[in-house]
């Protein structure tokens, strides 16, 4: 029975925690991704997600919550990128590449030094089905805090994304808003780490917003569509991973990628095929109007 297929995974405590963690991470990532896509900070999301690796490894080694180490290195990476960019001739994209690859390499070195104490797979690709009650509380608290700040500051952040000059003219500080957005990005990465790991976090903070961007021209609608898509993909991905016995984080991100591909092709206004069909309908309508005009008596 279809209902049995839906309810069976929910009979296990570890699956209930997996659903809660993934949906929470998906919603937070979906909301934040709208601003990242609009501003063009996709590479920054990639940088922060990879730069937290050494922090996660050190936290595991010290026996402290991984979120502490990840947050410290995430914020540190953001600060380093701005420092390099503002104190040298190096441009932002180059500064991002230097910082995140160096920190990611440091994390890999730390893992190679202590392989018996650190599970490379869990750090890089997540350990969704091994989420503990403490991990769940940590994700829920950080996710709720990040989401509340994004909602409360959404107008200022949106104005900053569209027109930083106008934001400055009305008394807002674009640098502070940019720093706030990057700090929230670091928090969001920490929230999503437990679900999909270091490598796939960037997908969760980019794909939902990019998908919503193809579906609507209004930012307010993006803020609804993006987290809805992310949460839906999270649920489908977890169910698929359960019944296919596949990696949970990978299935969640793969589901998001499939949805993006479908939207990219068939979105009514901005999809490749959708645009072609719309253009063909307009041409047919134009031909029909011309034929009708020709049949009219002079």
C-alpha atoms as a PDB file:
ATOM      1  CA  UNK A   1       0.000   0.000   0.000  1.00  0.00           C
ATOM      2  CA  UNK A   2       1.274   3.518  -0.791  1.00  0.00           C
ATOM      3  CA  UNK A   3       0.479   4.636   2.751  1.00  0.00           C
ATOM      4  CA  UNK A   4       2.595   1.826   4.175  1.00  0.00           C
ATOM      5  CA  UNK A   5       5.511   2.927   1.979  1.00  0.00           C
ATOM      6  CA  UNK A   6       5.245   6.423   3.418  1.00  0.00           C
ATOM      7  CA  UNK A   7       4.883   5.352   7.037  1.00  0.00           C
ATOM      8  CA  UNK A   8       7.429   2.532   7.199  1.00  0.00           C
ATOM      9  CA  UNK A   9      10.575   4.743   7.397  1.00  0.00           C
ATOM     10  CA  UNK A  10       8.921   6.895  10.061  1.00  0.00           C
ATOM     11  CA  UNK A  11       8.749   3.904  12.366  1.00  0.00           C
ATOM     12  CA  UNK A  12      12.467   4.243  13.083  1.00  0.00           C
ATOM     13  CA  UNK A  13      13.811   6.920  15.408  1.00  0.00           C
ATOM     14  CA  UNK A  14      16.927   7.495  13.309  1.00  0.00           C
ATOM     15  CA  UNK A  15      14.768   8.130  10.226  1.00  0.00           C
ATOM     16  CA  UNK A  16      12.619  10.618  12.125  1.00  0.00           C
ATOM     17  CA  UNK A  17      15.745  12.522  13.146  1.00  0.00           C
ATOM     18  CA  UNK A  18      17.058  12.324   9.578  1.00  0.00           C
ATOM     19  CA  UNK A  19      13.855  13.854   8.225  1.00  0.00           C
ATOM     20  CA  UNK A  20      13.869  16.658  10.801  1.00  0.00           C
ATOM     21  CA  UNK A  21      17.521  17.534  10.220  1.00  0.00           C
ATOM     22  CA  UNK A  22      17.270  17.449   6.436  1.00  0.00           C
ATOM     23  CA  UNK A  23      14.041  19.439   6.209  1.00  0.00           C
ATOM     24  CA  UNK A  24      15.389  22.054   8.621  1.00  0.00           C
ATOM     25  CA  UNK A  25      18.628  22.376   6.679  1.00  0.00           C
ATOM     26  CA  UNK A  26      16.759  22.461   3.359  1.00  0.00           C
ATOM     27  CA  UNK A  27      14.424  25.270   4.436  1.00  0.00           C
ATOM     28  CA  UNK A  28      17.235  27.428   5.822  1.00  0.00           C
ATOM     29  CA  UNK A  29      19.425  26.793   2.777  1.00  0.00           C
ATOM     30  CA  UNK A  30      16.493  27.463   0.455  1.00  0.00           C
ATOM     31  CA  UNK A  31      15.796  30.869   1.970  1.00  0.00           C
ATOM     32  CA  UNK A  32      19.446  31.966   2.066  1.00  0.00           C
ATOM     33  CA  UNK A  33      20.128  30.724  -1.458  1.00  0.00           C
ATOM     34  CA  UNK A  34      17.754  33.351  -2.875  1.00  0.00           C
ATOM     35  CA  UNK A  35      20.133  36.131  -1.826  1.00  0.00           C
ATOM     36  CA  UNK A  36      23.259  34.209  -2.824  1.00  0.00           C
ATOM     37  CA  UNK A  37      21.928  33.625  -6.336  1.00  0.00           C
ATOM     38  CA  UNK A  38      20.697  37.205  -6.678  1.00  0.00           C
ATOM     39  CA  UNK A  39      23.999  38.752  -5.543  1.00  0.00           C
ATOM     40  CA  UNK A  40      26.129  36.222  -7.397  1.00  0.00           C
ATOM     41  CA  UNK A  41      27.817  34.706  -4.362  1.00  0.00           C
ATOM     42  CA  UNK A  42      27.666  31.076  -5.443  1.00  0.00           C
ATOM     43  CA  UNK A  43      31.454  30.802  -5.277  1.00  0.00           C
ATOM     44  CA  UNK A  44      31.387  32.279  -1.770  1.00  0.00           C
ATOM     45  CA  UNK A  45      29.021  29.516  -0.697  1.00  0.00           C
ATOM     46  CA  UNK A  46      31.410  26.961  -2.136  1.00  0.00           C
ATOM     47  CA  UNK A  47      34.313  28.604  -0.317  1.00  0.00           C
ATOM     48  CA  UNK A  48      32.681  28.645   3.112  1.00  0.00           C
ATOM     49  CA  UNK A  49      31.373  25.098   2.801  1.00  0.00           C
ATOM     50  CA  UNK A  50      34.850  23.721   2.039  1.00  0.00           C
ATOM     51  CA  UNK A  51      36.733  25.986   4.427  1.00  0.00           C
ATOM     52  CA  UNK A  52      34.947  24.552   7.483  1.00  0.00           C
ATOM     53  CA  UNK A  53      36.555  21.124   7.021  1.00  0.00           C
ATOM     54  CA  UNK A  54      39.570  21.689   9.319  1.00  0.00           C
ATOM     55  CA  UNK A  55      37.257  23.093  11.971  1.00  0.00           C
ATOM     56  CA  UNK A  56      35.082  19.976  11.806  1.00  0.00           C
ATOM     57  CA  UNK A  57      38.112  17.700  12.043  1.00  0.00           C
ATOM     58  CA  UNK A  58      39.563  19.587  15.013  1.00  0.00           C
ATOM     59  CA  UNK A  59      36.182  19.532  16.750  1.00  0.00           C
ATOM     60  CA  UNK A  60      35.950  15.764  16.292  1.00  0.00           C
ATOM     61  CA  UNK A  61      39.463  15.302  17.653  1.00  0.00           C
ATOM     62  CA  UNK A  62      38.757  17.476  20.698  1.00  0.00           C
ATOM     63  CA  UNK A  63      35.429  15.834  21.370  1.00  0.00           C
ATOM     64  CA  UNK A  64      33.503  19.109  21.049  1.00  0.00           C
ATOM     65  CA  UNK A  65      30.383  19.679  18.914  1.00  0.00           C
ATOM     66  CA  UNK A  66      31.389  19.855  15.260  1.00  0.00           C
ATOM     67  CA  UNK A  67      29.297  23.012  14.864  1.00  0.00           C
ATOM     68  CA  UNK A  68      31.711  24.943  17.057  1.00  0.00           C
ATOM     69  CA  UNK A  69      34.757  24.180  14.925  1.00  0.00           C
ATOM     70  CA  UNK A  70      32.833  24.585  11.671  1.00  0.00           C
ATOM     71  CA  UNK A  71      31.443  27.962  12.688  1.00  0.00           C
ATOM     72  CA  UNK A  72      34.837  29.274  13.818  1.00  0.00           C
ATOM     73  CA  UNK A  73      36.526  28.282  10.558  1.00  0.00           C
ATOM     74  CA  UNK A  74      33.558  29.393   8.447  1.00  0.00           C
ATOM     75  CA  UNK A  75      33.627  32.879   9.915  1.00  0.00           C
ATOM     76  CA  UNK A  76      37.417  32.854   9.802  1.00  0.00           C
ATOM     77  CA  UNK A  77      37.355  32.012   6.102  1.00  0.00           C
ATOM     78  CA  UNK A  78      35.011  34.914   5.398  1.00  0.00           C
ATOM     79  CA  UNK A  79      37.276  37.271   7.360  1.00  0.00           C
ATOM     80  CA  UNK A  80      40.376  36.005   5.533  1.00  0.00           C
ATOM     81  CA  UNK A  81      38.767  36.486   2.126  1.00  0.00           C
ATOM     82  CA  UNK A  82      37.877  40.087   2.930  1.00  0.00           C
ATOM     83  CA  UNK A  83      41.331  40.692   4.411  1.00  0.00           C
ATOM     84  CA  UNK A  84      43.134  39.420   1.315  1.00  0.00           C
ATOM     85  CA  UNK A  85      40.807  41.316  -0.999  1.00  0.00           C
ATOM     86  CA  UNK A  86      41.034  44.619   0.883  1.00  0.00           C
ATOM     87  CA  UNK A  87      44.762  44.633   1.595  1.00  0.00           C
ATOM     88  CA  UNK A  88      46.164  43.457  -1.749  1.00  0.00           C
ATOM     89  CA  UNK A  89      45.659  43.671  -5.488  1.00  0.00           C
ATOM     90  CA  UNK A  90      44.089  40.215  -5.524  1.00  0.00           C
ATOM     91  CA  UNK A  91      40.460  40.268  -6.675  1.00  0.00           C
ATOM     92  CA  UNK A  92      37.614  38.629  -4.794  1.00  0.00           C
ATOM     93  CA  UNK A  93      37.331  35.468  -6.882  1.00  0.00           C
ATOM     94  CA  UNK A  94      41.064  34.809  -6.585  1.00  0.00           C
ATOM     95  CA  UNK A  95      40.989  35.492  -2.829  1.00  0.00           C
ATOM     96  CA  UNK A  96      38.121  33.032  -2.454  1.00  0.00           C
ATOM     97  CA  UNK A  97      40.015  30.381  -4.400  1.00  0.00           C
ATOM     98  CA  UNK A  98      43.191  30.818  -2.360  1.00  0.00           C
ATOM     99  CA  UNK A  99      41.483  30.753   1.049  1.00  0.00           C
ATOM    100  CA  UNK A 100      39.025  27.917   0.581  1.00  0.00           C
ATOM    101  CA  UNK A 101      41.425  25.568  -1.212  1.00  0.00           C
ATOM    102  CA  UNK A 102      44.120  26.141   1.413  1.00  0.00           C
ATOM    103  CA  UNK A 103      41.743  25.522   4.318  1.00  0.00           C
ATOM    104  CA  UNK A 104      40.216  22.497   2.607  1.00  0.00           C
ATOM    105  CA  UNK A 105      43.700  21.088   2.037  1.00  0.00           C
ATOM    106  CA  UNK A 106      44.487  21.671   5.724  1.00  0.00           C
ATOM    107  CA  UNK A 107      41.422  19.639   6.628  1.00  0.00           C
ATOM    108  CA  UNK A 108      42.479  16.780   4.349  1.00  0.00           C
ATOM    109  CA  UNK A 109      45.961  16.819   5.889  1.00  0.00           C
ATOM    110  CA  UNK A 110      44.488  16.655   9.385  1.00  0.00           C
ATOM    111  CA  UNK A 111      42.321  13.728   8.350  1.00  0.00           C
ATOM    112  CA  UNK A 112      45.287  11.878   6.854  1.00  0.00           C
ATOM    113  CA  UNK A 113      47.311  12.369  10.021  1.00  0.00           C
ATOM    114  CA  UNK A 114      44.658  10.832  12.284  1.00  0.00           C
ATOM    115  CA  UNK A 115      42.732   8.422  10.027  1.00  0.00           C
ATOM    116  CA  UNK A 116      41.817   6.038  12.818  1.00  0.00           C
ATOM    117  CA  UNK A 117      40.003   8.688  14.826  1.00  0.00           C
ATOM    118  CA  UNK A 118      38.219  10.573  12.075  1.00  0.00           C
ATOM    119  CA  UNK A 119      35.708   9.122   9.607  1.00  0.00           C
ATOM    120  CA  UNK A 120      36.469  10.813   6.298  1.00  0.00           C
ATOM    121  CA  UNK A 121      33.193   9.716   4.760  1.00  0.00           C
ATOM    122  CA  UNK A 122      31.060  11.171   7.541  1.00  0.00           C
ATOM    123  CA  UNK A 123      32.824  14.517   7.424  1.00  0.00           C
ATOM    124  CA  UNK A 124      32.876  14.907   3.656  1.00  0.00           C
ATOM    125  CA  UNK A 125      29.510  13.370   2.803  1.00  0.00           C
ATOM    126  CA  UNK A 126      27.489  13.639   5.994  1.00  0.00           C
ATOM    127  CA  UNK A 127      26.162  11.067   8.426  1.00  0.00           C
ATOM    128  CA  UNK A 128      22.455  11.711   8.172  1.00  0.00           C
ATOM    129  CA  UNK A 129      21.300   8.341   9.454  1.00  0.00           C
ATOM    130  CA  UNK A 130      23.646   8.616  12.428  1.00  0.00           C
ATOM    131  CA  UNK A 131      22.217  11.878  13.743  1.00  0.00           C
ATOM    132  CA  UNK A 132      21.974  11.849  17.532  1.00  0.00           C
ATOM    133  CA  UNK A 133      19.416  13.659  19.671  1.00  0.00           C
ATOM    134  CA  UNK A 134      22.092  16.233  20.588  1.00  0.00           C
ATOM    135  CA  UNK A 135      22.892  16.796  16.894  1.00  0.00           C
ATOM    136  CA  UNK A 136      19.203  17.274  16.181  1.00  0.00           C
ATOM    137  CA  UNK A 137      18.825  19.916  18.893  1.00  0.00           C
ATOM    138  CA  UNK A 138      21.938  21.691  17.637  1.00  0.00           C
ATOM    139  CA  UNK A 139      20.639  21.801  14.058  1.00  0.00           C
ATOM    140  CA  UNK A 140      17.160  22.945  15.118  1.00  0.00           C
ATOM    141  CA  UNK A 141      18.505  25.762  17.307  1.00  0.00           C
ATOM    142  CA  UNK A 142      21.013  27.058  14.745  1.00  0.00           C
ATOM    143  CA  UNK A 143      18.520  26.678  11.912  1.00  0.00           C
ATOM    144  CA  UNK A 144      15.779  28.538  13.795  1.00  0.00           C
ATOM    145  CA  UNK A 145      18.153  31.347  14.734  1.00  0.00           C
ATOM    146  CA  UNK A 146      19.409  31.760  11.161  1.00  0.00           C
ATOM    147  CA  UNK A 147      15.904  31.696   9.711  1.00  0.00           C
ATOM    148  CA  UNK A 148      14.606  34.258  12.211  1.00  0.00           C
ATOM    149  CA  UNK A 149      17.448  36.676  11.420  1.00  0.00           C
ATOM    150  CA  UNK A 150      16.893  36.249   7.665  1.00  0.00           C
ATOM    151  CA  UNK A 151      13.178  36.932   8.009  1.00  0.00           C
ATOM    152  CA  UNK A 152      13.655  39.951  10.267  1.00  0.00           C
ATOM    153  CA  UNK A 153      16.331  41.496   8.022  1.00  0.00           C
ATOM    154  CA  UNK A 154      14.853  40.421   4.691  1.00  0.00           C
ATOM    155  CA  UNK A 155      13.981  43.950   3.528  1.00  0.00           C
ATOM    156  CA  UNK A 156      17.440  45.336   4.266  1.00  0.00           C
ATOM    157  CA  UNK A 157      19.175  42.328   2.727  1.00  0.00           C
ATOM    158  CA  UNK A 158      16.988  42.507  -0.369  1.00  0.00           C
ATOM    159  CA  UNK A 159      17.729  46.195  -0.863  1.00  0.00           C
ATOM    160  CA  UNK A 160      21.436  45.442  -0.405  1.00  0.00           C
ATOM    161  CA  UNK A 161      21.220  42.685  -3.012  1.00  0.00           C
ATOM    162  CA  UNK A 162      19.454  44.859  -5.595  1.00  0.00           C
ATOM    163  CA  UNK A 163      21.095  48.243  -5.011  1.00  0.00           C
ATOM    164  CA  UNK A 164      23.842  48.685  -2.368  1.00  0.00           C
ATOM    165  CA  UNK A 165      24.223  52.344  -3.371  1.00  0.00           C
ATOM    166  CA  UNK A 166      20.589  53.101  -2.604  1.00  0.00           C
ATOM    167  CA  UNK A 167      20.862  51.141   0.640  1.00  0.00           C
ATOM    168  CA  UNK A 168      23.770  53.369   1.677  1.00  0.00           C
ATOM    169  CA  UNK A 169      21.855  56.501   0.639  1.00  0.00           C
ATOM    170  CA  UNK A 170      18.958  55.717   2.997  1.00  0.00           C
ATOM    171  CA  UNK A 171      21.245  55.106   5.966  1.00  0.00           C
ATOM    172  CA  UNK A 172      22.025  51.393   5.750  1.00  0.00           C
ATOM    173  CA  UNK A 173      25.606  50.147   5.864  1.00  0.00           C
ATOM    174  CA  UNK A 174      26.239  47.832   2.888  1.00  0.00           C
ATOM    175  CA  UNK A 175      29.421  46.459   4.458  1.00  0.00           C
ATOM    176  CA  UNK A 176      27.584  45.478   7.625  1.00  0.00           C
ATOM    177  CA  UNK A 177      24.764  43.875   5.629  1.00  0.00           C
ATOM    178  CA  UNK A 178      27.284  41.973   3.517  1.00  0.00           C
ATOM    179  CA  UNK A 179      29.087  40.773   6.630  1.00  0.00           C
ATOM    180  CA  UNK A 180      25.760  39.733   8.183  1.00  0.00           C
ATOM    181  CA  UNK A 181      24.825  37.746   5.097  1.00  0.00           C
ATOM    182  CA  UNK A 182      28.189  35.981   5.087  1.00  0.00           C
ATOM    183  CA  UNK A 183      27.905  35.200   8.802  1.00  0.00           C
ATOM    184  CA  UNK A 184      24.469  33.713   8.154  1.00  0.00           C
ATOM    185  CA  UNK A 185      25.996  31.728   5.298  1.00  0.00           C
ATOM    186  CA  UNK A 186      28.530  30.263   7.726  1.00  0.00           C
ATOM    187  CA  UNK A 187      25.726  29.334  10.134  1.00  0.00           C
ATOM    188  CA  UNK A 188      23.703  27.795   7.323  1.00  0.00           C
ATOM    189  CA  UNK A 189      26.667  25.700   6.234  1.00  0.00           C
ATOM    190  CA  UNK A 190      26.990  24.416   9.794  1.00  0.00           C
ATOM    191  CA  UNK A 191      23.285  23.514   9.813  1.00  0.00           C
ATOM    192  CA  UNK A 192      23.539  21.601   6.519  1.00  0.00           C
ATOM    193  CA  UNK A 193      26.821  19.823   7.298  1.00  0.00           C
ATOM    194  CA  UNK A 194      25.130  17.080   9.296  1.00  0.00           C
ATOM    195  CA  UNK A 195      22.787  16.338   6.417  1.00  0.00           C
ATOM    196  CA  UNK A 196      25.052  16.268   3.363  1.00  0.00           C
ATOM    197  CA  UNK A 197      28.630  16.843   4.519  1.00  0.00           C
ATOM    198  CA  UNK A 198      31.254  19.364   3.450  1.00  0.00           C
ATOM    199  CA  UNK A 199      31.360  18.492  -0.240  1.00  0.00           C
ATOM    200  CA  UNK A 200      27.619  18.722  -0.995  1.00  0.00           C
ATOM    201  CA  UNK A 201      26.674  21.670   1.219  1.00  0.00           C
ATOM    202  CA  UNK A 202      27.241  24.113  -1.633  1.00  0.00           C
ATOM    203  CA  UNK A 203      24.512  22.357  -3.629  1.00  0.00           C
ATOM    204  CA  UNK A 204      21.941  22.959  -0.899  1.00  0.00           C
ATOM    205  CA  UNK A 205      22.748  26.672  -0.680  1.00  0.00           C
ATOM    206  CA  UNK A 206      22.685  27.234  -4.461  1.00  0.00           C
ATOM    207  CA  UNK A 207      20.328  24.838  -6.279  1.00  0.00           C
ATOM    208  CA  UNK A 208      17.024  25.811  -4.589  1.00  0.00           C
ATOM    209  CA  UNK A 209      17.543  29.521  -5.230  1.00  0.00           C
ATOM    210  CA  UNK A 210      18.696  28.933  -8.805  1.00  0.00           C
ATOM    211  CA  UNK A 211      15.623  26.783  -9.447  1.00  0.00           C
ATOM    212  CA  UNK A 212      13.248  29.370  -7.993  1.00  0.00           C
ATOM    213  CA  UNK A 213      14.983  32.094 -10.025  1.00  0.00           C
ATOM    214  CA  UNK A 214      13.892  30.305 -13.216  1.00  0.00           C
ATOM    215  CA  UNK A 215      10.295  30.076 -12.026  1.00  0.00           C
ATOM    216  CA  UNK A 216       9.518  33.644 -10.999  1.00  0.00           C
ATOM    217  CA  UNK A 217      10.625  37.224 -11.548  1.00  0.00           C
ATOM    218  CA  UNK A 218       9.474  38.384  -8.104  1.00  0.00           C
ATOM    219  CA  UNK A 219      11.868  38.045  -5.190  1.00  0.00           C
ATOM    220  CA  UNK A 220       9.069  37.681  -2.631  1.00  0.00           C
ATOM    221  CA  UNK A 221       7.853  34.602  -4.478  1.00  0.00           C
ATOM    222  CA  UNK A 222      11.407  33.256  -4.663  1.00  0.00           C
ATOM    223  CA  UNK A 223      11.558  33.321  -0.869  1.00  0.00           C
ATOM    224  CA  UNK A 224       8.567  30.960  -0.817  1.00  0.00           C
ATOM    225  CA  UNK A 225       9.317  28.772  -3.831  1.00  0.00           C
ATOM    226  CA  UNK A 226      12.971  28.104  -2.994  1.00  0.00           C
ATOM    227  CA  UNK A 227      12.529  26.635   0.522  1.00  0.00           C
ATOM    228  CA  UNK A 228       9.427  24.746  -0.654  1.00  0.00           C
ATOM    229  CA  UNK A 229      11.444  23.096  -3.431  1.00  0.00           C
ATOM    230  CA  UNK A 230      14.317  22.385  -1.052  1.00  0.00           C
ATOM    231  CA  UNK A 231      12.060  20.803   1.582  1.00  0.00           C
ATOM    232  CA  UNK A 232      10.208  18.744  -1.026  1.00  0.00           C
ATOM    233  CA  UNK A 233      13.467  17.470  -2.515  1.00  0.00           C
ATOM    234  CA  UNK A 234      14.736  16.650   0.981  1.00  0.00           C
ATOM    235  CA  UNK A 235      11.693  14.490   1.704  1.00  0.00           C
ATOM    236  CA  UNK A 236      11.807  12.723  -1.668  1.00  0.00           C
ATOM    237  CA  UNK A 237      15.566  12.208  -1.379  1.00  0.00           C
ATOM    238  CA  UNK A 238      15.333  10.640   2.087  1.00  0.00           C
ATOM    239  CA  UNK A 239      12.578   8.253   0.997  1.00  0.00           C
ATOM    240  CA  UNK A 240      14.537   7.337  -2.132  1.00  0.00           C
ATOM    241  CA  UNK A 241      17.699   6.689  -0.118  1.00  0.00           C
ATOM    242  CA  UNK A 242      15.762   4.441   2.280  1.00  0.00           C
ATOM    243  CA  UNK A 243      14.226   2.236  -0.390  1.00  0.00           C
ATOM    244  CA  UNK A 244      17.213   2.246  -2.757  1.00  0.00           C
ATOM    245  CA  UNK A 245      19.732   1.778   0.078  1.00  0.00           C
ATOM    246  CA  UNK A 246      21.706   4.744  -1.258  1.00  0.00           C
ATOM    247  CA  UNK A 247      23.607   7.609   0.356  1.00  0.00           C
ATOM    248  CA  UNK A 248      21.042   9.920   1.947  1.00  0.00           C
ATOM    249  CA  UNK A 249      22.853  13.222   1.392  1.00  0.00           C
ATOM    250  CA  UNK A 250      23.695  12.308  -2.166  1.00  0.00           C
ATOM    251  CA  UNK A 251      20.075  11.392  -2.946  1.00  0.00           C
ATOM    252  CA  UNK A 252      18.803  14.688  -1.523  1.00  0.00           C
ATOM    253  CA  UNK A 253      21.196  16.718  -3.671  1.00  0.00           C
ATOM    254  CA  UNK A 254      20.566  14.512  -6.716  1.00  0.00           C
ATOM    255  CA  UNK A 255      16.830  15.127  -6.346  1.00  0.00           C
ATOM    256  CA  UNK A 256      17.474  18.869  -6.255  1.00  0.00           C
ATOM    257  CA  UNK A 257      19.603  18.571  -9.380  1.00  0.00           C
ATOM    258  CA  UNK A 258      16.873  16.653 -11.225  1.00  0.00           C
ATOM    259  CA  UNK A 259      14.252  19.245 -10.274  1.00  0.00           C
ATOM    260  CA  UNK A 260      16.562  22.037 -11.460  1.00  0.00           C
ATOM    261  CA  UNK A 261      17.070  20.243 -14.786  1.00  0.00           C
ATOM    262  CA  UNK A 262      13.307  19.892 -15.280  1.00  0.00           C
ATOM    263  CA  UNK A 263      12.727  23.550 -14.440  1.00  0.00           C
ATOM    264  CA  UNK A 264      15.626  24.600 -16.664  1.00  0.00           C
ATOM    265  CA  UNK A 265      13.968  22.798 -19.560  1.00  0.00           C
ATOM    266  CA  UNK A 266      10.258  23.335 -18.950  1.00  0.00           C
ATOM    267  CA  UNK A 267       9.815  26.522 -16.873  1.00  0.00           C
ATOM    268  CA  UNK A 268       7.028  28.514 -18.600  1.00  0.00           C
ATOM    269  CA  UNK A 269       8.951  31.776 -19.083  1.00  0.00           C
ATOM    270  CA  UNK A 270      12.637  31.003 -18.548  1.00  0.00           C
ATOM    271  CA  UNK A 271      12.946  27.308 -19.448  1.00  0.00           C
ATOM    272  CA  UNK A 272      14.716  26.377 -22.663  1.00  0.00           C
ATOM    273  CA  UNK A 273      11.828  24.341 -24.051  1.00  0.00           C
ATOM    274  CA  UNK A 274       9.244  26.546 -22.366  1.00  0.00           C
ATOM    275  CA  UNK A 275      10.604  29.637 -24.140  1.00  0.00           C
ATOM    276  CA  UNK A 276      10.590  27.813 -27.477  1.00  0.00           C
ATOM    277  CA  UNK A 277       6.990  26.674 -27.020  1.00  0.00           C
ATOM    278  CA  UNK A 278       5.926  30.180 -25.985  1.00  0.00           C
ATOM    279  CA  UNK A 279       7.671  31.664 -29.030  1.00  0.00           C
ATOM    280  CA  UNK A 280       5.970  29.105 -31.294  1.00  0.00           C
ATOM    281  CA  UNK A 281       2.555  29.975 -29.799  1.00  0.00           C
ATOM    282  CA  UNK A 282       3.207  33.674 -30.375  1.00  0.00           C
ATOM    283  CA  UNK A 283       4.193  33.010 -33.981  1.00  0.00           C
ATOM    284  CA  UNK A 284       1.046  30.939 -34.572  1.00  0.00           C
ATOM    285  CA  UNK A 285      -1.071  33.634 -32.966  1.00  0.00           C
ATOM    286  CA  UNK A 286       0.582  36.261 -35.183  1.00  0.00           C
ATOM    287  CA  UNK A 287      -0.017  34.207 -38.313  1.00  0.00           C
ATOM    288  CA  UNK A 288      -3.645  33.668 -37.294  1.00  0.00           C
ATOM    289  CA  UNK A 289      -4.175  37.408 -36.743  1.00  0.00           C
ATOM    290  CA  UNK A 290      -2.577  38.214 -40.092  1.00  0.00           C
ATOM    291  CA  UNK A 291      -4.777  35.669 -41.875  1.00  0.00           C
ATOM    292  CA  UNK A 292      -7.844  37.037 -40.137  1.00  0.00           C
ATOM    293  CA  UNK A 293      -6.908  40.581 -41.156  1.00  0.00           C
ATOM    294  CA  UNK A 294      -6.465  39.498 -44.779  1.00  0.00           C
ATOM    295  CA  UNK A 295      -9.936  37.925 -44.819  1.00  0.00           C
ATOM    296  CA  UNK A 296     -11.552  41.122 -43.627  1.00  0.00           C
ATOM    297  CA  UNK A 297     -13.188  43.093 -46.491  1.00  0.00           C
ATOM    298  CA  UNK A 298     -11.377  46.266 -47.507  1.00  0.00           C
END
